[in-house]
Full PDB file with SEQRES, HELIX, SHEET, SSBOND, CRYST1, ORIGX, SCALE, CONECT and MASTER records, all heavy atoms in Angstrom:
SEQRES   1 A   32  PHE LYS THR GLY GLU GLY GLU ILE ALA ARG HIS SER ASP          
SEQRES   2 A   32  THR PHE ASN MET ASP THR TYR TYR TYR ALA LEU LEU LEU          
SEQRES   3 A   32  ASP ASN GLY THR VAL LEU                                      
SHEET    1 AA1 2 GLU A   5  HIS A  11  0                                        
SHEET    2 AA1 2 ASP A  18  LEU A  24 -1                                        
CRYST1    1.000    1.000    1.000  90.00  90.00  90.00 P 1           1          
ORIGX1      1.000000  0.000000  0.000000        0.00000                         
ORIGX2      0.000000  1.000000  0.000000        0.00000                         
ORIGX3      0.000000  0.000000  1.000000        0.00000                         
SCALE1      1.000000  0.000000  0.000000        0.00000                         
SCALE2      0.000000  1.000000  0.000000        0.00000                         
SCALE3      0.000000  0.000000  1.000000        0.00000                         
ATOM      1  N   PHE A   1      45.943 -46.372  -8.461  1.00  0.00           N  
ATOM      2  CA  PHE A   1      45.034 -45.381  -9.077  1.00  0.00           C  
ATOM      3  C   PHE A   1      45.395 -43.969  -8.646  1.00  0.00           C  
ATOM      4  O   PHE A   1      45.227 -43.017  -9.417  1.00  0.00           O  
ATOM      5  CB  PHE A   1      43.587 -45.689  -8.702  1.00  0.00           C  
ATOM      6  CG  PHE A   1      43.002 -46.839  -9.487  1.00  0.00           C  
ATOM      7  CD1 PHE A   1      42.408 -47.914  -8.854  1.00  0.00           C  
ATOM      8  CD2 PHE A   1      43.036 -46.833 -10.884  1.00  0.00           C  
ATOM      9  CE1 PHE A   1      41.868 -48.964  -9.578  1.00  0.00           C  
ATOM     10  CE2 PHE A   1      42.496 -47.886 -11.612  1.00  0.00           C  
ATOM     11  CZ  PHE A   1      41.910 -48.957 -10.958  1.00  0.00           C  
ATOM     12  N   LYS A   2      45.872 -43.818  -7.427  1.00  0.00           N  
ATOM     13  CA  LYS A   2      46.172 -42.483  -6.901  1.00  0.00           C  
ATOM     14  C   LYS A   2      47.542 -41.977  -7.343  1.00  0.00           C  
ATOM     15  O   LYS A   2      47.684 -40.821  -7.759  1.00  0.00           O  
ATOM     16  CB  LYS A   2      46.125 -42.495  -5.374  1.00  0.00           C  
ATOM     17  CG  LYS A   2      44.721 -42.695  -4.815  1.00  0.00           C  
ATOM     18  CD  LYS A   2      44.767 -42.753  -3.287  1.00  0.00           C  
ATOM     19  CE  LYS A   2      43.374 -43.005  -2.713  1.00  0.00           C  
ATOM     20  NZ  LYS A   2      43.407 -43.113  -1.227  1.00  0.00           N  
ATOM     21  N   THR A   3      48.579 -42.829  -7.220  1.00  0.00           N  
ATOM     22  CA  THR A   3      49.953 -42.372  -7.446  1.00  0.00           C  
ATOM     23  C   THR A   3      50.627 -42.997  -8.646  1.00  0.00           C  
ATOM     24  O   THR A   3      51.752 -42.644  -8.975  1.00  0.00           O  
ATOM     25  CB  THR A   3      50.816 -42.675  -6.198  1.00  0.00           C  
ATOM     26  OG1 THR A   3      50.879 -44.089  -6.006  1.00  0.00           O  
ATOM     27  CG2 THR A   3      50.236 -42.025  -4.953  1.00  0.00           C  
ATOM     28  N   GLY A   4      49.983 -43.969  -9.271  1.00  0.00           N  
ATOM     29  CA  GLY A   4      50.566 -44.607 -10.431  1.00  0.00           C  
ATOM     30  C   GLY A   4      51.175 -45.959 -10.117  1.00  0.00           C  
ATOM     31  O   GLY A   4      51.399 -46.761 -11.027  1.00  0.00           O  
ATOM     32  N   GLU A   5      51.459 -46.241  -8.834  1.00  0.00           N  
ATOM     33  CA  GLU A   5      51.975 -47.545  -8.444  1.00  0.00           C  
ATOM     34  C   GLU A   5      51.669 -47.791  -6.968  1.00  0.00           C  
ATOM     35  O   GLU A   5      51.446 -46.861  -6.195  1.00  0.00           O  
ATOM     36  CB  GLU A   5      53.481 -47.641  -8.694  1.00  0.00           C  
ATOM     37  CG  GLU A   5      54.302 -46.648  -7.894  1.00  0.00           C  
ATOM     38  CD  GLU A   5      55.793 -46.790  -8.145  1.00  0.00           C  
ATOM     39  OE1 GLU A   5      56.184 -47.687  -8.890  1.00  0.00           O  
ATOM     40  OE2 GLU A   5      56.581 -45.993  -7.557  1.00  0.00           O  
ATOM     41  N   GLY A   6      51.668 -49.056  -6.597  1.00  0.00           N  
ATOM     42  CA  GLY A   6      51.431 -49.421  -5.206  1.00  0.00           C  
ATOM     43  C   GLY A   6      52.010 -50.796  -4.934  1.00  0.00           C  
ATOM     44  O   GLY A   6      52.073 -51.643  -5.822  1.00  0.00           O  
ATOM     45  N   GLU A   7      52.448 -51.008  -3.711  1.00  0.00           N  
ATOM     46  CA  GLU A   7      53.023 -52.301  -3.341  1.00  0.00           C  
ATOM     47  C   GLU A   7      52.654 -52.645  -1.909  1.00  0.00           C  
ATOM     48  O   GLU A   7      52.443 -51.757  -1.076  1.00  0.00           O  
ATOM     49  CB  GLU A   7      54.535 -52.299  -3.520  1.00  0.00           C  
ATOM     50  CG  GLU A   7      55.273 -51.276  -2.680  1.00  0.00           C  
ATOM     51  CD  GLU A   7      56.773 -51.317  -2.933  1.00  0.00           C  
ATOM     52  OE1 GLU A   7      57.206 -52.118  -3.775  1.00  0.00           O  
ATOM     53  OE2 GLU A   7      57.501 -50.542  -2.289  1.00  0.00           O  
ATOM     54  N   ILE A   8      52.601 -53.919  -1.634  1.00  0.00           N  
ATOM     55  CA  ILE A   8      52.254 -54.387  -0.297  1.00  0.00           C  
ATOM     56  C   ILE A   8      52.685 -55.844  -0.172  1.00  0.00           C  
ATOM     57  O   ILE A   8      52.862 -56.546  -1.187  1.00  0.00           O  
ATOM     58  CB  ILE A   8      50.727 -54.241  -0.041  1.00  0.00           C  
ATOM     59  CG1 ILE A   8      50.437 -54.377   1.453  1.00  0.00           C  
ATOM     60  CG2 ILE A   8      49.958 -55.299  -0.838  1.00  0.00           C  
ATOM     61  CD1 ILE A   8      48.980 -54.045   1.799  1.00  0.00           C  
ATOM     62  N   ALA A   9      52.889 -56.287   1.076  1.00  0.00           N  
ATOM     63  CA  ALA A   9      53.195 -57.699   1.359  1.00  0.00           C  
ATOM     64  C   ALA A   9      52.139 -58.223   2.318  1.00  0.00           C  
ATOM     65  O   ALA A   9      51.824 -57.582   3.316  1.00  0.00           O  
ATOM     66  CB  ALA A   9      54.588 -57.832   1.960  1.00  0.00           C  
ATOM     67  N   ARG A  10      51.546 -59.382   1.974  1.00  0.00           N  
ATOM     68  CA  ARG A  10      50.513 -59.982   2.830  1.00  0.00           C  
ATOM     69  C   ARG A  10      50.865 -61.426   3.114  1.00  0.00           C  
ATOM     70  O   ARG A  10      51.490 -62.112   2.298  1.00  0.00           O  
ATOM     71  CB  ARG A  10      49.152 -59.910   2.129  1.00  0.00           C  
ATOM     72  CG  ARG A  10      48.518 -58.550   2.176  1.00  0.00           C  
ATOM     73  CD  ARG A  10      47.042 -58.637   1.792  1.00  0.00           C  
ATOM     74  NE  ARG A  10      46.871 -58.878   0.375  1.00  0.00           N  
ATOM     75  CZ  ARG A  10      46.721 -57.926  -0.534  1.00  0.00           C  
ATOM     76  NH1 ARG A  10      46.744 -56.649  -0.163  1.00  0.00           N  
ATOM     77  NH2 ARG A  10      46.568 -58.228  -1.807  1.00  0.00           N  
ATOM     78  N   HIS A  11      50.463 -61.856   4.319  1.00  0.00           N  
ATOM     79  CA  HIS A  11      50.668 -63.256   4.681  1.00  0.00           C  
ATOM     80  C   HIS A  11      49.721 -64.141   3.895  1.00  0.00           C  
ATOM     81  O   HIS A  11      48.528 -63.867   3.804  1.00  0.00           O  
ATOM     82  CB  HIS A  11      50.441 -63.465   6.182  1.00  0.00           C  
ATOM     83  CG  HIS A  11      51.565 -62.935   7.021  1.00  0.00           C  
ATOM     84  ND1 HIS A  11      52.812 -63.523   7.077  1.00  0.00           N  
ATOM     85  CD2 HIS A  11      51.623 -61.845   7.838  1.00  0.00           C  
ATOM     86  CE1 HIS A  11      53.583 -62.838   7.899  1.00  0.00           C  
ATOM     87  NE2 HIS A  11      52.883 -61.810   8.371  1.00  0.00           N  
ATOM     88  N   SER A  12      50.282 -65.190   3.360  1.00  0.00           N  
ATOM     89  CA  SER A  12      49.476 -66.133   2.591  1.00  0.00           C  
ATOM     90  C   SER A  12      48.958 -67.235   3.508  1.00  0.00           C  
ATOM     91  O   SER A  12      49.438 -67.418   4.630  1.00  0.00           O  
ATOM     92  CB  SER A  12      50.341 -66.729   1.471  1.00  0.00           C  
ATOM     93  OG  SER A  12      49.644 -67.764   0.822  1.00  0.00           O  
ATOM     94  N   ASP A  13      47.977 -67.943   3.015  1.00  0.00           N  
ATOM     95  CA  ASP A  13      47.479 -69.091   3.768  1.00  0.00           C  
ATOM     96  C   ASP A  13      48.528 -70.192   3.842  1.00  0.00           C  
ATOM     97  O   ASP A  13      48.480 -71.067   4.711  1.00  0.00           O  
ATOM     98  CB  ASP A  13      46.193 -69.643   3.129  1.00  0.00           C  
ATOM     99  CG  ASP A  13      45.050 -68.639   3.242  1.00  0.00           C  
ATOM    100  OD1 ASP A  13      45.111 -67.798   4.163  1.00  0.00           O  
ATOM    101  OD2 ASP A  13      44.137 -68.694   2.409  1.00  0.00           O  
ATOM    102  N   THR A  14      49.465 -70.151   2.920  1.00  0.00           N  
ATOM    103  CA  THR A  14      50.526 -71.155   2.916  1.00  0.00           C  
ATOM    104  C   THR A  14      51.437 -70.909   4.111  1.00  0.00           C  
ATOM    105  O   THR A  14      51.822 -69.780   4.385  1.00  0.00           O  
ATOM    106  CB  THR A  14      51.336 -71.069   1.621  1.00  0.00           C  
ATOM    107  OG1 THR A  14      50.449 -71.123   0.524  1.00  0.00           O  
ATOM    108  CG2 THR A  14      52.338 -72.201   1.552  1.00  0.00           C  
ATOM    109  N   PHE A  15      51.794 -71.958   4.802  1.00  0.00           N  
ATOM    110  CA  PHE A  15      52.599 -71.833   6.026  1.00  0.00           C  
ATOM    111  C   PHE A  15      53.990 -71.288   5.705  1.00  0.00           C  
ATOM    112  O   PHE A  15      54.659 -71.744   4.794  1.00  0.00           O  
ATOM    113  CB  PHE A  15      52.707 -73.204   6.690  1.00  0.00           C  
ATOM    114  CG  PHE A  15      53.476 -73.176   7.995  1.00  0.00           C  
ATOM    115  CD1 PHE A  15      52.953 -72.523   9.092  1.00  0.00           C  
ATOM    116  CD2 PHE A  15      54.714 -73.780   8.092  1.00  0.00           C  
ATOM    117  CE1 PHE A  15      53.647 -72.498  10.283  1.00  0.00           C  
ATOM    118  CE2 PHE A  15      55.412 -73.761   9.287  1.00  0.00           C  
ATOM    119  CZ  PHE A  15      54.873 -73.116  10.387  1.00  0.00           C  
ATOM    120  N   ASN A  16      54.412 -70.275   6.520  1.00  0.00           N  
ATOM    121  CA  ASN A  16      55.738 -69.674   6.388  1.00  0.00           C  
ATOM    122  C   ASN A  16      55.976 -69.049   5.022  1.00  0.00           C  
ATOM    123  O   ASN A  16      57.100 -69.080   4.510  1.00  0.00           O  
ATOM    124  CB  ASN A  16      56.838 -70.708   6.681  1.00  0.00           C  
ATOM    125  CG  ASN A  16      56.942 -71.026   8.169  1.00  0.00           C  
ATOM    126  OD1 ASN A  16      56.560 -70.199   8.998  1.00  0.00           O  
ATOM    127  ND2 ASN A  16      57.433 -72.204   8.483  1.00  0.00           N  
ATOM    128  N   MET A  17      54.917 -68.501   4.408  1.00  0.00           N  
ATOM    129  CA  MET A  17      55.069 -67.834   3.110  1.00  0.00           C  
ATOM    130  C   MET A  17      54.412 -66.462   3.176  1.00  0.00           C  
ATOM    131  O   MET A  17      53.375 -66.270   3.804  1.00  0.00           O  
ATOM    132  CB  MET A  17      54.433 -68.658   1.986  1.00  0.00           C  
ATOM    133  CG  MET A  17      55.063 -70.033   1.773  1.00  0.00           C  
ATOM    134  SD  MET A  17      56.769 -69.946   1.176  1.00  0.00           S  
ATOM    135  CE  MET A  17      56.490 -69.436  -0.516  1.00  0.00           C  
ATOM    136  N   ASP A  18      55.029 -65.477   2.525  1.00  0.00           N  
ATOM    137  CA  ASP A  18      54.470 -64.138   2.342  1.00  0.00           C  
ATOM    138  C   ASP A  18      54.244 -63.908   0.855  1.00  0.00           C  
ATOM    139  O   ASP A  18      54.987 -64.428   0.024  1.00  0.00           O  
ATOM    140  CB  ASP A  18      55.432 -63.066   2.875  1.00  0.00           C  
ATOM    141  CG  ASP A  18      55.441 -62.989   4.386  1.00  0.00           C  
ATOM    142  OD1 ASP A  18      54.465 -63.450   5.007  1.00  0.00           O  
ATOM    143  OD2 ASP A  18      56.440 -62.490   4.954  1.00  0.00           O  
ATOM    144  N   THR A  19      53.197 -63.114   0.556  1.00  0.00           N  
ATOM    145  CA  THR A  19      52.903 -62.770  -0.844  1.00  0.00           C  
ATOM    146  C   THR A  19      53.184 -61.290  -1.047  1.00  0.00           C  
ATOM    147  O   THR A  19      52.647 -60.446  -0.319  1.00  0.00           O  
ATOM    148  CB  THR A  19      51.450 -63.076  -1.204  1.00  0.00           C  
ATOM    149  OG1 THR A  19      51.178 -64.456  -0.929  1.00  0.00           O  
ATOM    150  CG2 THR A  19      51.188 -62.783  -2.671  1.00  0.00           C  
ATOM    151  N   TYR A  20      54.017 -60.968  -2.039  1.00  0.00           N  
ATOM    152  CA  TYR A  20      54.379 -59.590  -2.345  1.00  0.00           C  
ATOM    153  C   TYR A  20      53.624 -59.147  -3.597  1.00  0.00           C  
ATOM    154  O   TYR A  20      53.604 -59.859  -4.607  1.00  0.00           O  
ATOM    155  CB  TYR A  20      55.891 -59.476  -2.575  1.00  0.00           C  
ATOM    156  CG  TYR A  20      56.703 -59.763  -1.327  1.00  0.00           C  
ATOM    157  CD1 TYR A  20      57.062 -61.070  -1.002  1.00  0.00           C  
ATOM    158  CD2 TYR A  20      57.094 -58.724  -0.487  1.00  0.00           C  
ATOM    159  CE1 TYR A  20      57.797 -61.348   0.130  1.00  0.00           C  
ATOM    160  CE2 TYR A  20      57.838 -58.995   0.651  1.00  0.00           C  
ATOM    161  CZ  TYR A  20      58.187 -60.304   0.962  1.00  0.00           C  
ATOM    162  OH  TYR A  20      58.912 -60.554   2.080  1.00  0.00           O  
ATOM    163  N   TYR A  21      53.005 -57.968  -3.552  1.00  0.00           N  
ATOM    164  CA  TYR A  21      52.202 -57.440  -4.662  1.00  0.00           C  
ATOM    165  C   TYR A  21      52.798 -56.117  -5.125  1.00  0.00           C  
ATOM    166  O   TYR A  21      53.213 -55.283  -4.304  1.00  0.00           O  
ATOM    167  CB  TYR A  21      50.762 -57.189  -4.232  1.00  0.00           C  
ATOM    168  CG  TYR A  21      50.008 -58.435  -3.827  1.00  0.00           C  
ATOM    169  CD1 TYR A  21      49.976 -58.855  -2.509  1.00  0.00           C  
ATOM    170  CD2 TYR A  21      49.298 -59.188  -4.768  1.00  0.00           C  
ATOM    171  CE1 TYR A  21      49.282 -59.981  -2.129  1.00  0.00           C  
ATOM    172  CE2 TYR A  21      48.607 -60.313  -4.404  1.00  0.00           C  
ATOM    173  CZ  TYR A  21      48.597 -60.716  -3.070  1.00  0.00           C  
ATOM    174  OH  TYR A  21      47.892 -61.835  -2.707  1.00  0.00           O  
ATOM    175  N   TYR A  22      52.806 -55.937  -6.458  1.00  0.00           N  
ATOM    176  CA  TYR A  22      53.181 -54.642  -7.033  1.00  0.00           C  
ATOM    177  C   TYR A  22      52.174 -54.305  -8.136  1.00  0.00           C  
ATOM    178  O   TYR A  22      51.968 -55.105  -9.065  1.00  0.00           O  
ATOM    179  CB  TYR A  22      54.586 -54.671  -7.632  1.00  0.00           C  
ATOM    180  CG  TYR A  22      54.971 -53.359  -8.269  1.00  0.00           C  
ATOM    181  CD1 TYR A  22      55.380 -52.274  -7.484  1.00  0.00           C  
ATOM    182  CD2 TYR A  22      54.908 -53.187  -9.655  1.00  0.00           C  
ATOM    183  CE1 TYR A  22      55.718 -51.070  -8.077  1.00  0.00           C  
ATOM    184  CE2 TYR A  22      55.257 -51.973 -10.241  1.00  0.00           C  
ATOM    185  CZ  TYR A  22      55.655 -50.924  -9.452  1.00  0.00           C  
ATOM    186  OH  TYR A  22      55.983 -49.714 -10.024  1.00  0.00           O  
ATOM    187  N   ALA A  23      51.543 -53.132  -8.010  1.00  0.00           N  
ATOM    188  CA  ALA A  23      50.503 -52.713  -8.971  1.00  0.00           C  
ATOM    189  C   ALA A  23      50.985 -51.482  -9.728  1.00  0.00           C  
ATOM    190  O   ALA A  23      51.542 -50.555  -9.128  1.00  0.00           O  
ATOM    191  CB  ALA A  23      49.205 -52.414  -8.228  1.00  0.00           C  
ATOM    192  N   LEU A  24      50.737 -51.482 -11.064  1.00  0.00           N  
ATOM    193  CA  LEU A  24      51.208 -50.394 -11.920  1.00  0.00           C  
ATOM    194  C   LEU A  24      50.050 -49.891 -12.779  1.00  0.00           C  
ATOM    195  O   LEU A  24      49.356 -50.676 -13.420  1.00  0.00           O  
ATOM    196  CB  LEU A  24      52.343 -50.891 -12.811  1.00  0.00           C  
ATOM    197  CG  LEU A  24      52.986 -49.863 -13.747  1.00  0.00           C  
ATOM    198  CD1 LEU A  24      53.691 -48.774 -12.946  1.00  0.00           C  
ATOM    199  CD2 LEU A  24      53.985 -50.565 -14.672  1.00  0.00           C  
ATOM    200  N   LEU A  25      49.820 -48.584 -12.752  1.00  0.00           N  
ATOM    201  CA  LEU A  25      48.734 -47.976 -13.533  1.00  0.00           C  
ATOM    202  C   LEU A  25      49.165 -47.872 -15.001  1.00  0.00           C  
ATOM    203  O   LEU A  25      50.204 -47.304 -15.321  1.00  0.00           O  
ATOM    204  CB  LEU A  25      48.409 -46.587 -12.972  1.00  0.00           C  
ATOM    205  CG  LEU A  25      47.271 -45.833 -13.652  1.00  0.00           C  
ATOM    206  CD1 LEU A  25      45.935 -46.583 -13.453  1.00  0.00           C  
ATOM    207  CD2 LEU A  25      47.178 -44.405 -13.112  1.00  0.00           C  
ATOM    208  N   LEU A  26      48.324 -48.450 -15.895  1.00  0.00           N  
ATOM    209  CA  LEU A  26      48.609 -48.401 -17.336  1.00  0.00           C  
ATOM    210  C   LEU A  26      48.002 -47.146 -17.957  1.00  0.00           C  
ATOM    211  O   LEU A  26      47.180 -46.462 -17.350  1.00  0.00           O  
ATOM    212  CB  LEU A  26      48.061 -49.657 -18.006  1.00  0.00           C  
ATOM    213  CG  LEU A  26      48.598 -50.996 -17.468  1.00  0.00           C  
ATOM    214  CD1 LEU A  26      47.958 -52.148 -18.234  1.00  0.00           C  
ATOM    215  CD2 LEU A  26      50.107 -51.052 -17.556  1.00  0.00           C  
ATOM    216  N   ASP A  27      48.430 -46.854 -19.178  1.00  0.00           N  
ATOM    217  CA  ASP A  27      47.967 -45.643 -19.862  1.00  0.00           C  
ATOM    218  C   ASP A  27      46.474 -45.664 -20.132  1.00  0.00           C  
ATOM    219  O   ASP A  27      45.822 -44.603 -20.242  1.00  0.00           O  
ATOM    220  CB  ASP A  27      48.727 -45.478 -21.187  1.00  0.00           C  
ATOM    221  CG  ASP A  27      50.200 -45.207 -20.950  1.00  0.00           C  
ATOM    222  OD1 ASP A  27      50.537 -44.730 -19.827  1.00  0.00           O  
ATOM    223  OD2 ASP A  27      51.013 -45.487 -21.852  1.00  0.00           O  
ATOM    224  N   ASN A  28      45.871 -46.853 -20.267  1.00  0.00           N  
ATOM    225  CA  ASN A  28      44.437 -46.952 -20.555  1.00  0.00           C  
ATOM    226  C   ASN A  28      43.575 -46.913 -19.295  1.00  0.00           C  
ATOM    227  O   ASN A  28      42.378 -47.164 -19.359  1.00  0.00           O  
ATOM    228  CB  ASN A  28      44.155 -48.226 -21.356  1.00  0.00           C  
ATOM    229  CG  ASN A  28      44.663 -49.471 -20.622  1.00  0.00           C  
ATOM    230  OD1 ASN A  28      44.944 -49.425 -19.434  1.00  0.00           O  
ATOM    231  ND2 ASN A  28      44.785 -50.575 -21.364  1.00  0.00           N  
ATOM    232  N   GLY A  29      44.193 -46.617 -18.135  1.00  0.00           N  
ATOM    233  CA  GLY A  29      43.422 -46.498 -16.892  1.00  0.00           C  
ATOM    234  C   GLY A  29      43.245 -47.789 -16.140  1.00  0.00           C  
ATOM    235  O   GLY A  29      42.641 -47.795 -15.055  1.00  0.00           O  
ATOM    236  N   THR A  30      43.725 -48.897 -16.672  1.00  0.00           N  
ATOM    237  CA  THR A  30      43.660 -50.165 -15.952  1.00  0.00           C  
ATOM    238  C   THR A  30      44.924 -50.343 -15.112  1.00  0.00           C  
ATOM    239  O   THR A  30      45.891 -49.585 -15.263  1.00  0.00           O  
ATOM    240  CB  THR A  30      43.511 -51.336 -16.914  1.00  0.00           C  
ATOM    241  OG1 THR A  30      44.662 -51.355 -17.776  1.00  0.00           O  
ATOM    242  CG2 THR A  30      42.234 -51.205 -17.737  1.00  0.00           C  
ATOM    243  N   VAL A  31      44.892 -51.344 -14.241  1.00  0.00           N  
ATOM    244  CA  VAL A  31      46.035 -51.596 -13.351  1.00  0.00           C  
ATOM    245  C   VAL A  31      46.543 -53.004 -13.593  1.00  0.00           C  
ATOM    246  O   VAL A  31      45.770 -53.966 -13.609  1.00  0.00           O  
ATOM    247  CB  VAL A  31      45.633 -51.429 -11.869  1.00  0.00           C  
ATOM    248  CG1 VAL A  31      46.776 -51.893 -10.953  1.00  0.00           C  
ATOM    249  CG2 VAL A  31      45.291 -49.973 -11.577  1.00  0.00           C  
ATOM    250  N   LEU A  32      47.845 -53.086 -13.778  1.00  0.00           N  
ATOM    251  CA  LEU A  32      48.512 -54.378 -13.927  1.00  0.00           C  
ATOM    252  C   LEU A  32      49.183 -54.716 -12.596  1.00  0.00           C  
ATOM    253  O   LEU A  32      49.987 -53.928 -12.082  1.00  0.00           O  
ATOM    254  CB  LEU A  32      49.556 -54.307 -15.042  1.00  0.00           C  
ATOM    255  CG  LEU A  32      50.411 -55.562 -15.224  1.00  0.00           C  
ATOM    256  CD1 LEU A  32      49.551 -56.751 -15.656  1.00  0.00           C  
ATOM    257  CD2 LEU A  32      51.514 -55.301 -16.251  1.00  0.00           C  
TER     258      LEU A  32                                                      
MASTER        0    0    0    0    2    0    0    6  257    1    0    3          
END                                                                             
């Protein structure tokens, strides 16, 4: 919402797995 994109990596509940997230601001104000 602030810069148009954002990313982060979080530990998942699954053993030895990480979850990577990438968020992108769309033209209609929503985030994908």
